[in-house]
PDB file of N, CA and C in Angstrom:
ATOM      1  N   MET A   1      42.959  42.391  49.099  1.00  0.00           N
ATOM      2  CA  MET A   1      41.707  42.948  49.517  1.00  0.00           C
ATOM      3  C   MET A   1      40.813  43.142  48.297  1.00  0.00           C
ATOM      4  N   ALA A   2      39.527  42.984  48.513  1.00  0.00           N
ATOM      5  CA  ALA A   2      38.571  43.168  47.424  1.00  0.00           C
ATOM      6  C   ALA A   2      37.325  43.854  47.982  1.00  0.00           C
ATOM      7  N   TRP A   3      36.550  44.440  47.083  1.00  0.00           N
ATOM      8  CA  TRP A   3      35.317  45.118  47.448  1.00  0.00           C
ATOM      9  C   TRP A   3      34.222  44.670  46.508  1.00  0.00           C
ATOM     10  N   ASN A   4      32.983  44.917  46.941  1.00  0.00           N
ATOM     11  CA  ASN A   4      31.830  44.608  46.098  1.00  0.00           C
ATOM     12  C   ASN A   4      31.611  45.627  45.003  1.00  0.00           C
ATOM     13  N   ASP A   5      32.169  46.821  45.170  1.00  0.00           N
ATOM     14  CA  ASP A   5      31.982  47.877  44.178  1.00  0.00           C
ATOM     15  C   ASP A   5      33.341  48.392  43.709  1.00  0.00           C
ATOM     16  N   PRO A   6      33.422  48.976  42.533  1.00  0.00           N
ATOM     17  CA  PRO A   6      34.707  49.389  41.953  1.00  0.00           C
ATOM     18  C   PRO A   6      35.487  50.405  42.792  1.00  0.00           C
ATOM     19  N   LEU A   7      34.810  51.243  43.561  1.00  0.00           N
ATOM     20  CA  LEU A   7      35.494  52.276  44.333  1.00  0.00           C
ATOM     21  C   LEU A   7      35.805  51.843  45.767  1.00  0.00           C
ATOM     22  N   GLY A   8      35.296  50.707  46.184  1.00  0.00           N
ATOM     23  CA  GLY A   8      35.549  50.246  47.539  1.00  0.00           C
ATOM     24  C   GLY A   8      34.830  51.044  48.602  1.00  0.00           C
ATOM     25  N   THR A   9      33.646  51.562  48.265  1.00  0.00           N
ATOM     26  CA  THR A   9      32.927  52.406  49.208  1.00  0.00           C
ATOM     27  C   THR A   9      31.840  51.665  49.986  1.00  0.00           C
ATOM     28  N   ARG A  10      31.435  50.496  49.494  1.00  0.00           N
ATOM     29  CA  ARG A  10      30.371  49.755  50.167  1.00  0.00           C
ATOM     30  C   ARG A  10      30.940  48.529  50.873  1.00  0.00           C
ATOM     31  N   PRO A  11      30.527  48.300  52.115  1.00  0.00           N
ATOM     32  CA  PRO A  11      30.961  47.084  52.802  1.00  0.00           C
ATOM     33  C   PRO A  11      30.254  45.879  52.200  1.00  0.00           C
ATOM     34  N   PRO A  12      30.727  44.694  52.359  1.00  0.00           N
ATOM     35  CA  PRO A  12      31.913  44.383  53.147  1.00  0.00           C
ATOM     36  C   PRO A  12      33.187  44.448  52.306  1.00  0.00           C
ATOM     37  N   ARG A  13      34.288  44.716  52.977  1.00  0.00           N
ATOM     38  CA  ARG A  13      35.590  44.509  52.350  1.00  0.00           C
ATOM     39  C   ARG A  13      35.897  43.032  52.497  1.00  0.00           C
ATOM     40  N   ILE A  14      36.535  42.498  51.502  1.00  0.00           N
ATOM     41  CA  ILE A  14      36.895  41.080  51.537  1.00  0.00           C
ATOM     42  C   ILE A  14      38.405  40.998  51.667  1.00  0.00           C
ATOM     43  N   LYS A  15      38.874  40.413  52.762  1.00  0.00           N
ATOM     44  CA  LYS A  15      40.306  40.267  52.998  1.00  0.00           C
ATOM     45  C   LYS A  15      40.661  38.802  52.881  1.00  0.00           C
ATOM     46  N   VAL A  16      41.734  38.543  52.122  1.00  0.00           N
ATOM     47  CA  VAL A  16      42.146  37.167  51.849  1.00  0.00           C
ATOM     48  C   VAL A  16      43.591  36.979  52.256  1.00  0.00           C
ATOM     49  N   GLN A  17      43.852  35.849  52.894  1.00  0.00           N
ATOM     50  CA  GLN A  17      45.235  35.453  53.170  1.00  0.00           C
ATOM     51  C   GLN A  17      45.420  34.066  52.581  1.00  0.00           C
ATOM     52  N   VAL A  18      46.570  33.870  51.917  1.00  0.00           N
ATOM     53  CA  VAL A  18      46.876  32.590  51.286  1.00  0.00           C
ATOM     54  C   VAL A  18      48.203  32.077  51.819  1.00  0.00           C
ATOM     55  N   LYS A  19      48.193  30.828  52.271  1.00  0.00           N
ATOM     56  CA  LYS A  19      49.415  30.172  52.743  1.00  0.00           C
ATOM     57  C   LYS A  19      49.666  28.966  51.854  1.00  0.00           C
ATOM     58  N   ARG A  20      50.805  28.980  51.193  1.00  0.00           N
ATOM     59  CA  ARG A  20      51.216  27.849  50.353  1.00  0.00           C
ATOM     60  C   ARG A  20      52.304  27.109  51.118  1.00  0.00           C
ATOM     61  N   ASP A  21      51.864  26.147  51.927  1.00  0.00           N
ATOM     62  CA  ASP A  21      52.759  25.470  52.842  1.00  0.00           C
ATOM     63  C   ASP A  21      52.240  24.050  53.071  1.00  0.00           C
ATOM     64  N   GLN A  22      53.134  23.145  53.424  1.00  0.00           N
ATOM     65  CA  GLN A  22      52.758  21.761  53.706  1.00  0.00           C
ATOM     66  C   GLN A  22      52.045  21.637  55.051  1.00  0.00           C
ATOM     67  N   SER A  23      52.414  22.483  56.008  1.00  0.00           N
ATOM     68  CA  SER A  23      51.854  22.346  57.350  1.00  0.00           C
ATOM     69  C   SER A  23      50.508  23.045  57.465  1.00  0.00           C
ATOM     70  N   ALA A  24      49.671  22.492  58.336  1.00  0.00           N
ATOM     71  CA  ALA A  24      48.337  23.034  58.558  1.00  0.00           C
ATOM     72  C   ALA A  24      48.418  24.328  59.365  1.00  0.00           C
ATOM     73  N   VAL A  25      47.523  25.240  59.058  1.00  0.00           N
ATOM     74  CA  VAL A  25      47.425  26.507  59.786  1.00  0.00           C
ATOM     75  C   VAL A  25      46.740  26.238  61.124  1.00  0.00           C
ATOM     76  N   ASN A  26      47.323  26.757  62.209  1.00  0.00           N
ATOM     77  CA  ASN A  26      46.734  26.560  63.529  1.00  0.00           C
ATOM     78  C   ASN A  26      45.918  27.781  63.949  1.00  0.00           C
ATOM     79  N   ALA A  27      45.301  27.678  65.123  1.00  0.00           N
ATOM     80  CA  ALA A  27      44.407  28.740  65.593  1.00  0.00           C
ATOM     81  C   ALA A  27      45.146  30.049  65.826  1.00  0.00           C
ATOM     82  N   ALA A  28      46.387  29.994  66.280  1.00  0.00           N
ATOM     83  CA  ALA A  28      47.143  31.229  66.533  1.00  0.00           C
ATOM     84  C   ALA A  28      47.349  32.018  65.248  1.00  0.00           C
ATOM     85  N   VAL A  29      47.687  31.340  64.166  1.00  0.00           N
ATOM     86  CA  VAL A  29      47.881  32.004  62.874  1.00  0.00           C
ATOM     87  C   VAL A  29      46.549  32.564  62.382  1.00  0.00           C
ATOM     88  N   LEU A  30      45.492  31.803  62.550  1.00  0.00           N
ATOM     89  CA  LEU A  30      44.167  32.269  62.137  1.00  0.00           C
ATOM     90  C   LEU A  30      43.746  33.494  62.943  1.00  0.00           C
ATOM     91  N   ARG A  31      44.005  33.493  64.243  1.00  0.00           N
ATOM     92  CA  ARG A  31      43.664  34.657  65.075  1.00  0.00           C
ATOM     93  C   ARG A  31      44.411  35.909  64.616  1.00  0.00           C
ATOM     94  N   SER A  32      45.663  35.752  64.199  1.00  0.00           N
ATOM     95  CA  SER A  32      46.430  36.898  63.691  1.00  0.00           C
ATOM     96  C   SER A  32      45.760  37.501  62.466  1.00  0.00           C
ATOM     97  N   PHE A  33      45.249  36.640  61.597  1.00  0.00           N
ATOM     98  CA  PHE A  33      44.525  37.118  60.417  1.00  0.00           C
ATOM     99  C   PHE A  33      43.221  37.797  60.828  1.00  0.00           C
ATOM    100  N   MET A  34      42.488  37.174  61.742  1.00  0.00           N
ATOM    101  CA  MET A  34      41.197  37.729  62.153  1.00  0.00           C
ATOM    102  C   MET A  34      41.354  39.072  62.847  1.00  0.00           C
ATOM    103  N   ALA A  35      42.501  39.314  63.451  1.00  0.00           N
ATOM    104  CA  ALA A  35      42.746  40.604  64.095  1.00  0.00           C
ATOM    105  C   ALA A  35      42.771  41.744  63.080  1.00  0.00           C
ATOM    106  N   LEU A  36      42.996  41.424  61.814  1.00  0.00           N
ATOM    107  CA  LEU A  36      43.025  42.424  60.755  1.00  0.00           C
ATOM    108  C   LEU A  36      41.643  42.720  60.175  1.00  0.00           C
ATOM    109  N   LEU A  37      40.645  41.947  60.589  1.00  0.00           N
ATOM    110  CA  LEU A  37      39.298  42.109  60.047  1.00  0.00           C
ATOM    111  C   LEU A  37      38.515  43.134  60.848  1.00  0.00           C
ATOM    112  N   GLY A  38      37.925  44.082  60.153  1.00  0.00           N
ATOM    113  CA  GLY A  38      37.041  45.045  60.778  1.00  0.00           C
ATOM    114  C   GLY A  38      35.650  44.464  60.946  1.00  0.00           C
ATOM    115  N   ASP A  39      34.763  45.247  61.560  1.00  0.00           N
ATOM    116  CA  ASP A  39      33.406  44.770  61.840  1.00  0.00           C
ATOM    117  C   ASP A  39      32.622  44.386  60.593  1.00  0.00           C
ATOM    118  N   ASN A  40      32.840  45.086  59.487  1.00  0.00           N
ATOM    119  CA  ASN A  40      32.087  44.806  58.259  1.00  0.00           C
ATOM    120  C   ASN A  40      32.895  44.017  57.244  1.00  0.00           C
ATOM    121  N   ASP A  41      34.042  43.477  57.658  1.00  0.00           N
ATOM    122  CA  ASP A  41      34.900  42.737  56.740  1.00  0.00           C
ATOM    123  C   ASP A  41      34.528  41.260  56.698  1.00  0.00           C
ATOM    124  N   VAL A  42      34.847  40.646  55.593  1.00  0.00           N
ATOM    125  CA  VAL A  42      34.714  39.203  55.420  1.00  0.00           C
ATOM    126  C   VAL A  42      36.118  38.669  55.193  1.00  0.00           C
ATOM    127  N   GLY A  43      36.474  37.610  55.898  1.00  0.00           N
ATOM    128  CA  GLY A  43      37.793  37.020  55.750  1.00  0.00           C
ATOM    129  C   GLY A  43      37.742  35.693  55.019  1.00  0.00           C
ATOM    130  N   ILE A  44      38.690  35.495  54.116  1.00  0.00           N
ATOM    131  CA  ILE A  44      38.846  34.220  53.432  1.00  0.00           C
ATOM    132  C   ILE A  44      40.297  33.801  53.630  1.00  0.00           C
ATOM    133  N   PHE A  45      40.504  32.630  54.214  1.00  0.00           N
ATOM    134  CA  PHE A  45      41.846  32.133  54.487  1.00  0.00           C
ATOM    135  C   PHE A  45      42.028  30.853  53.683  1.00  0.00           C
ATOM    136  N   VAL A  46      42.980  30.879  52.749  1.00  0.00           N
ATOM    137  CA  VAL A  46      43.273  29.733  51.892  1.00  0.00           C
ATOM    138  C   VAL A  46      44.595  29.132  52.343  1.00  0.00           C
ATOM    139  N   SER A  47      44.603  27.823  52.588  1.00  0.00           N
ATOM    140  CA  SER A  47      45.828  27.146  53.002  1.00  0.00           C
ATOM    141  C   SER A  47      45.953  25.822  52.273  1.00  0.00           C
ATOM    142  N   THR A  48      47.030  25.668  51.498  1.00  0.00           N
ATOM    143  CA  THR A  48      47.244  24.410  50.779  1.00  0.00           C
ATOM    144  C   THR A  48      47.562  23.276  51.743  1.00  0.00           C
ATOM    145  N   GLY A  49      48.020  23.591  52.949  1.00  0.00           N
ATOM    146  CA  GLY A  49      48.317  22.574  53.959  1.00  0.00           C
ATOM    147  C   GLY A  49      47.139  22.250  54.852  1.00  0.00           C
ATOM    148  N   GLY A  50      46.024  22.928  54.640  1.00  0.00           N
ATOM    149  CA  GLY A  50      44.837  22.680  55.447  1.00  0.00           C
ATOM    150  C   GLY A  50      44.867  23.447  56.755  1.00  0.00           C
ATOM    151  N   PHE A  51      44.011  23.019  57.678  1.00  0.00           N
ATOM    152  CA  PHE A  51      43.833  23.706  58.949  1.00  0.00           C
ATOM    153  C   PHE A  51      43.777  22.681  60.073  1.00  0.00           C
ATOM    154  N   THR A  52      44.310  23.043  61.213  1.00  0.00           N
ATOM    155  CA  THR A  52      44.202  22.168  62.383  1.00  0.00           C
ATOM    156  C   THR A  52      42.765  22.216  62.899  1.00  0.00           C
ATOM    157  N   ARG A  53      42.425  21.258  63.739  1.00  0.00           N
ATOM    158  CA  ARG A  53      41.073  21.225  64.306  1.00  0.00           C
ATOM    159  C   ARG A  53      40.781  22.465  65.130  1.00  0.00           C
ATOM    160  N   ASP A  54      41.799  22.934  65.873  1.00  0.00           N
ATOM    161  CA  ASP A  54      41.559  24.128  66.689  1.00  0.00           C
ATOM    162  C   ASP A  54      41.318  25.361  65.818  1.00  0.00           C
ATOM    163  N   ALA A  55      41.962  25.444  64.656  1.00  0.00           N
ATOM    164  CA  ALA A  55      41.720  26.559  63.737  1.00  0.00           C
ATOM    165  C   ALA A  55      40.315  26.464  63.145  1.00  0.00           C
ATOM    166  N   GLU A  56      39.898  25.264  62.771  1.00  0.00           N
ATOM    167  CA  GLU A  56      38.546  25.085  62.232  1.00  0.00           C
ATOM    168  C   GLU A  56      37.500  25.448  63.272  1.00  0.00           C
ATOM    169  N   GLU A  57      37.732  25.056  64.524  1.00  0.00           N
ATOM    170  CA  GLU A  57      36.804  25.385  65.610  1.00  0.00           C
ATOM    171  C   GLU A  57      36.775  26.895  65.852  1.00  0.00           C
ATOM    172  N   GLU A  58      37.933  27.521  65.804  1.00  0.00           N
ATOM    173  CA  GLU A  58      38.030  28.975  65.991  1.00  0.00           C
ATOM    174  C   GLU A  58      37.198  29.712  64.932  1.00  0.00           C
ATOM    175  N   ALA A  59      37.311  29.297  63.686  1.00  0.00           N
ATOM    176  CA  ALA A  59      36.548  29.934  62.606  1.00  0.00           C
ATOM    177  C   ALA A  59      35.054  29.675  62.754  1.00  0.00           C
ATOM    178  N   ARG A  60      34.707  28.464  63.139  1.00  0.00           N
ATOM    179  CA  ARG A  60      33.298  28.075  63.248  1.00  0.00           C
ATOM    180  C   ARG A  60      32.578  28.808  64.388  1.00  0.00           C
ATOM    181  N   THR A  61      33.300  29.118  65.454  1.00  0.00           N
ATOM    182  CA  THR A  61      32.650  29.694  66.634  1.00  0.00           C
ATOM    183  C   THR A  61      32.752  31.213  66.710  1.00  0.00           C
ATOM    184  N   GLN A  62      33.199  31.845  65.657  1.00  0.00           N
ATOM    185  CA  GLN A  62      33.339  33.299  65.660  1.00  0.00           C
ATOM    186  C   GLN A  62      31.982  33.977  65.761  1.00  0.00           C
ATOM    187  N   GLN A  63      31.895  34.926  66.671  1.00  0.00           N
ATOM    188  CA  GLN A  63      30.670  35.717  66.833  1.00  0.00           C
ATOM    189  C   GLN A  63      30.745  37.023  66.039  1.00  0.00           C
ATOM    190  N   SER A  64      31.917  37.662  66.059  1.00  0.00           N
ATOM    191  CA  SER A  64      32.027  39.000  65.486  1.00  0.00           C
ATOM    192  C   SER A  64      32.791  39.053  64.164  1.00  0.00           C
ATOM    193  N   ARG A  65      33.427  37.978  63.762  1.00  0.00           N
ATOM    194  CA  ARG A  65      34.210  37.964  62.524  1.00  0.00           C
ATOM    195  C   ARG A  65      33.717  36.831  61.622  1.00  0.00           C
ATOM    196  N   GLN A  66      33.495  37.161  60.369  1.00  0.00           N
ATOM    197  CA  GLN A  66      33.075  36.151  59.395  1.00  0.00           C
ATOM    198  C   GLN A  66      34.308  35.674  58.641  1.00  0.00           C
ATOM    199  N   VAL A  67      34.667  34.393  58.820  1.00  0.00           N
ATOM    200  CA  VAL A  67      35.859  33.835  58.199  1.00  0.00           C
ATOM    201  C   VAL A  67      35.504  32.516  57.515  1.00  0.00           C
ATOM    202  N   THR A  68      35.938  32.386  56.273  1.00  0.00           N
ATOM    203  CA  THR A  68      35.781  31.140  55.534  1.00  0.00           C
ATOM    204  C   THR A  68      37.156  30.527  55.343  1.00  0.00           C
ATOM    205  N   LEU A  69      37.281  29.242  55.679  1.00  0.00           N
ATOM    206  CA  LEU A  69      38.533  28.520  55.502  1.00  0.00           C
ATOM    207  C   LEU A  69      38.435  27.683  54.227  1.00  0.00           C
ATOM    208  N   ILE A  70      39.480  27.756  53.408  1.00  0.00           N
ATOM    209  CA  ILE A  70      39.503  27.001  52.150  1.00  0.00           C
ATOM    210  C   ILE A  70      40.802  26.213  52.095  1.00  0.00           C
ATOM    211  N   ASN A  71      40.669  24.884  52.122  1.00  0.00           N
ATOM    212  CA  ASN A  71      41.856  24.033  51.977  1.00  0.00           C
ATOM    213  C   ASN A  71      42.067  23.723  50.497  1.00  0.00           C
ATOM    214  N   LEU A  72      43.112  22.982  50.190  1.00  0.00           N
ATOM    215  CA  LEU A  72      43.469  22.715  48.790  1.00  0.00           C
ATOM    216  C   LEU A  72      42.352  21.981  48.055  1.00  0.00           C
ATOM    217  N   GLU A  73      41.741  21.000  48.708  1.00  0.00           N
ATOM    218  CA  GLU A  73      40.654  20.254  48.075  1.00  0.00           C
ATOM    219  C   GLU A  73      39.480  21.167  47.726  1.00  0.00           C
ATOM    220  N   ARG A  74      39.113  22.036  48.665  1.00  0.00           N
ATOM    221  CA  ARG A  74      38.006  22.963  48.418  1.00  0.00           C
ATOM    222  C   ARG A  74      38.360  23.979  47.336  1.00  0.00           C
ATOM    223  N   LEU A  75      39.624  24.410  47.300  1.00  0.00           N
ATOM    224  CA  LEU A  75      40.069  25.326  46.253  1.00  0.00           C
ATOM    225  C   LEU A  75      39.881  24.700  44.878  1.00  0.00           C
ATOM    226  N   PHE A  76      40.252  23.427  44.730  1.00  0.00           N
ATOM    227  CA  PHE A  76      40.051  22.734  43.460  1.00  0.00           C
ATOM    228  C   PHE A  76      38.569  22.626  43.128  1.00  0.00           C
ATOM    229  N   GLU A  77      37.739  22.296  44.127  1.00  0.00           N
ATOM    230  CA  GLU A  77      36.299  22.189  43.891  1.00  0.00           C
ATOM    231  C   GLU A  77      35.725  23.516  43.386  1.00  0.00           C
ATOM    232  N   LEU A  78      36.127  24.606  44.049  1.00  0.00           N
ATOM    233  CA  LEU A  78      35.639  25.924  43.635  1.00  0.00           C
ATOM    234  C   LEU A  78      36.114  26.282  42.233  1.00  0.00           C
ATOM    235  N   TRP A  79      37.366  25.950  41.935  1.00  0.00           N
ATOM    236  CA  TRP A  79      37.916  26.246  40.617  1.00  0.00           C
ATOM    237  C   TRP A  79      37.123  25.509  39.537  1.00  0.00           C
ATOM    238  N   ILE A  80      36.899  24.229  39.754  1.00  0.00           N
ATOM    239  CA  ILE A  80      36.161  23.418  38.779  1.00  0.00           C
ATOM    240  C   ILE A  80      34.732  23.930  38.625  1.00  0.00           C
ATOM    241  N   GLU A  81      34.116  24.301  39.743  1.00  0.00           N
ATOM    242  CA  GLU A  81      32.728  24.787  39.714  1.00  0.00           C
ATOM    243  C   GLU A  81      32.586  26.107  38.951  1.00  0.00           C
ATOM    244  N   HIS A  82      33.600  26.966  39.010  1.00  0.00           N
ATOM    245  CA  HIS A  82      33.471  28.310  38.451  1.00  0.00           C
ATOM    246  C   HIS A  82      34.359  28.592  37.235  1.00  0.00           C
ATOM    247  N   ILE A  83      35.129  27.632  36.790  1.00  0.00           N
ATOM    248  CA  ILE A  83      36.105  27.870  35.721  1.00  0.00           C
ATOM    249  C   ILE A  83      35.441  28.364  34.437  1.00  0.00           C
ATOM    250  N   GLU A  84      34.270  27.879  34.114  1.00  0.00           N
ATOM    251  CA  GLU A  84      33.605  28.254  32.865  1.00  0.00           C
ATOM    252  C   GLU A  84      33.144  29.718  32.867  1.00  0.00           C
ATOM    253  N   LYS A  85      33.033  30.315  34.040  1.00  0.00           N
ATOM    254  CA  LYS A  85      32.600  31.710  34.144  1.00  0.00           C
ATOM    255  C   LYS A  85      33.746  32.695  33.955  1.00  0.00           C
ATOM    256  N   LEU A  86      34.976  32.184  33.907  1.00  0.00           N
ATOM    257  CA  LEU A  86      36.153  33.043  33.814  1.00  0.00           C
ATOM    258  C   LEU A  86      36.581  33.227  32.366  1.00  0.00           C
ATOM    259  N   ASP A  87      37.234  34.352  32.103  1.00  0.00           N
ATOM    260  CA  ASP A  87      37.759  34.549  30.765  1.00  0.00           C
ATOM    261  C   ASP A  87      38.989  33.653  30.564  1.00  0.00           C
ATOM    262  N   GLU A  88      39.376  33.474  29.316  1.00  0.00           N
ATOM    263  CA  GLU A  88      40.457  32.545  28.976  1.00  0.00           C
ATOM    264  C   GLU A  88      41.784  32.918  29.632  1.00  0.00           C
ATOM    265  N   GLU A  89      42.086  34.193  29.686  1.00  0.00           N
ATOM    266  CA  GLU A  89      43.346  34.646  30.293  1.00  0.00           C
ATOM    267  C   GLU A  89      43.421  34.250  31.778  1.00  0.00           C
ATOM    268  N   THR A  90      42.312  34.382  32.481  1.00  0.00           N
ATOM    269  CA  THR A  90      42.270  34.010  33.896  1.00  0.00           C
ATOM    270  C   THR A  90      42.368  32.497  34.057  1.00  0.00           C
ATOM    271  N   ARG A  91      41.673  31.737  33.210  1.00  0.00           N
ATOM    272  CA  ARG A  91      41.754  30.269  33.266  1.00  0.00           C
ATOM    273  C   ARG A  91      43.174  29.788  33.039  1.00  0.00           C
ATOM    274  N   ASP A  92      43.930  30.480  32.202  1.00  0.00           N
ATOM    275  CA  ASP A  92      45.301  30.077  31.906  1.00  0.00           C
ATOM    276  C   ASP A  92      46.238  30.221  33.108  1.00  0.00           C
ATOM    277  N   LEU A  93      45.841  30.998  34.102  1.00  0.00           N
ATOM    278  CA  LEU A  93      46.666  31.154  35.302  1.00  0.00           C
ATOM    279  C   LEU A  93      46.718  29.887  36.150  1.00  0.00           C
ATOM    280  N   PHE A  94      45.702  29.050  36.008  1.00  0.00           N
ATOM    281  CA  PHE A  94      45.601  27.836  36.815  1.00  0.00           C
ATOM    282  C   PHE A  94      45.095  26.707  35.913  1.00  0.00           C
ATOM    283  N   PRO A  95      45.949  26.257  34.995  1.00  0.00           N
ATOM    284  CA  PRO A  95      45.488  25.309  33.967  1.00  0.00           C
ATOM    285  C   PRO A  95      45.243  23.904  34.525  1.00  0.00           C
ATOM    286  N   LEU A  96      43.990  23.529  34.602  1.00  0.00           N
ATOM    287  CA  LEU A  96      43.604  22.178  35.005  1.00  0.00           C
ATOM    288  C   LEU A  96      42.901  21.508  33.835  1.00  0.00           C
ATOM    289  N   LYS A  97      43.188  20.263  33.646  1.00  0.00           N
ATOM    290  CA  LYS A  97      42.539  19.484  32.599  1.00  0.00           C
ATOM    291  C   LYS A  97      41.840  18.291  33.246  1.00  0.00           C
ATOM    292  N   PRO A  98      40.588  18.038  32.891  1.00  0.00           N
ATOM    293  CA  PRO A  98      39.904  16.879  33.464  1.00  0.00           C
ATOM    294  C   PRO A  98      40.502  15.580  32.930  1.00  0.00           C
ATOM    295  N   ILE A  99      40.571  14.589  33.787  1.00  0.00           N
ATOM    296  CA  ILE A  99      41.036  13.256  33.405  1.00  0.00           C
ATOM    297  C   ILE A  99      39.926  12.285  33.781  1.00  0.00           C
ATOM    298  N   TYR A 100      39.502  11.486  32.830  1.00  0.00           N
ATOM    299  CA  TYR A 100      38.429  10.544  33.051  1.00  0.00           C
ATOM    300  C   TYR A 100      38.995   9.144  33.124  1.00  0.00           C
ATOM    301  N   PHE A 101      38.413   8.318  33.991  1.00  0.00           N
ATOM    302  CA  PHE A 101      38.837   6.937  34.104  1.00  0.00           C
ATOM    303  C   PHE A 101      37.636   6.083  34.448  1.00  0.00           C
ATOM    304  N   LEU A 102      37.724   4.810  34.121  1.00  0.00           N
ATOM    305  CA  LEU A 102      36.655   3.873  34.408  1.00  0.00           C
ATOM    306  C   LEU A 102      36.773   3.405  35.848  1.00  0.00           C
ATOM    307  N   ALA A 103      35.643   3.335  36.508  1.00  0.00           N
ATOM    308  CA  ALA A 103      35.622   2.857  37.880  1.00  0.00           C
ATOM    309  C   ALA A 103      34.555   1.764  37.985  1.00  0.00           C
ATOM    310  N   PRO A 104      34.755   0.826  38.864  1.00  0.00           N
ATOM    311  CA  PRO A 104      33.739  -0.223  39.025  1.00  0.00           C
ATOM    312  C   PRO A 104      32.435   0.363  39.545  1.00  0.00           C
ATOM    313  N   GLU A 105      31.324  -0.256  39.144  1.00  0.00           N
ATOM    314  CA  GLU A 105      30.028   0.207  39.616  1.00  0.00           C
ATOM    315  C   GLU A 105      29.900  -0.125  41.096  1.00  0.00           C
ATOM    316  N   GLY A 106      29.115   0.677  41.762  1.00  0.00           N
ATOM    317  CA  GLY A 106      28.906   0.278  43.132  1.00  0.00           C
ATOM    318  C   GLY A 106      28.676   1.340  44.031  1.00  0.00           C
TER     319      GLY A 106
END
């Protein structure tokens, strides 16, 4: 859980669930997570195995719960986009090195 302020007194609370698994998260698992979200909470669900179509549809059509789904590809994109803003100790937790290669034009 995370908050926007150091004391956790201002909404929204940010609740995160992470699944490190080969299989995709389905709508039933996502609903279990969303049941833990209050009215002013924001949910972030990270799954290295991705999400089934029904889970993606469930998140997209939510009226009362704000949920962001992050698969492994998106996690890497976010890491690369924000890595320079992190201190060295935090970057060392997830050491990625860029690899460059030549590709045909086109």
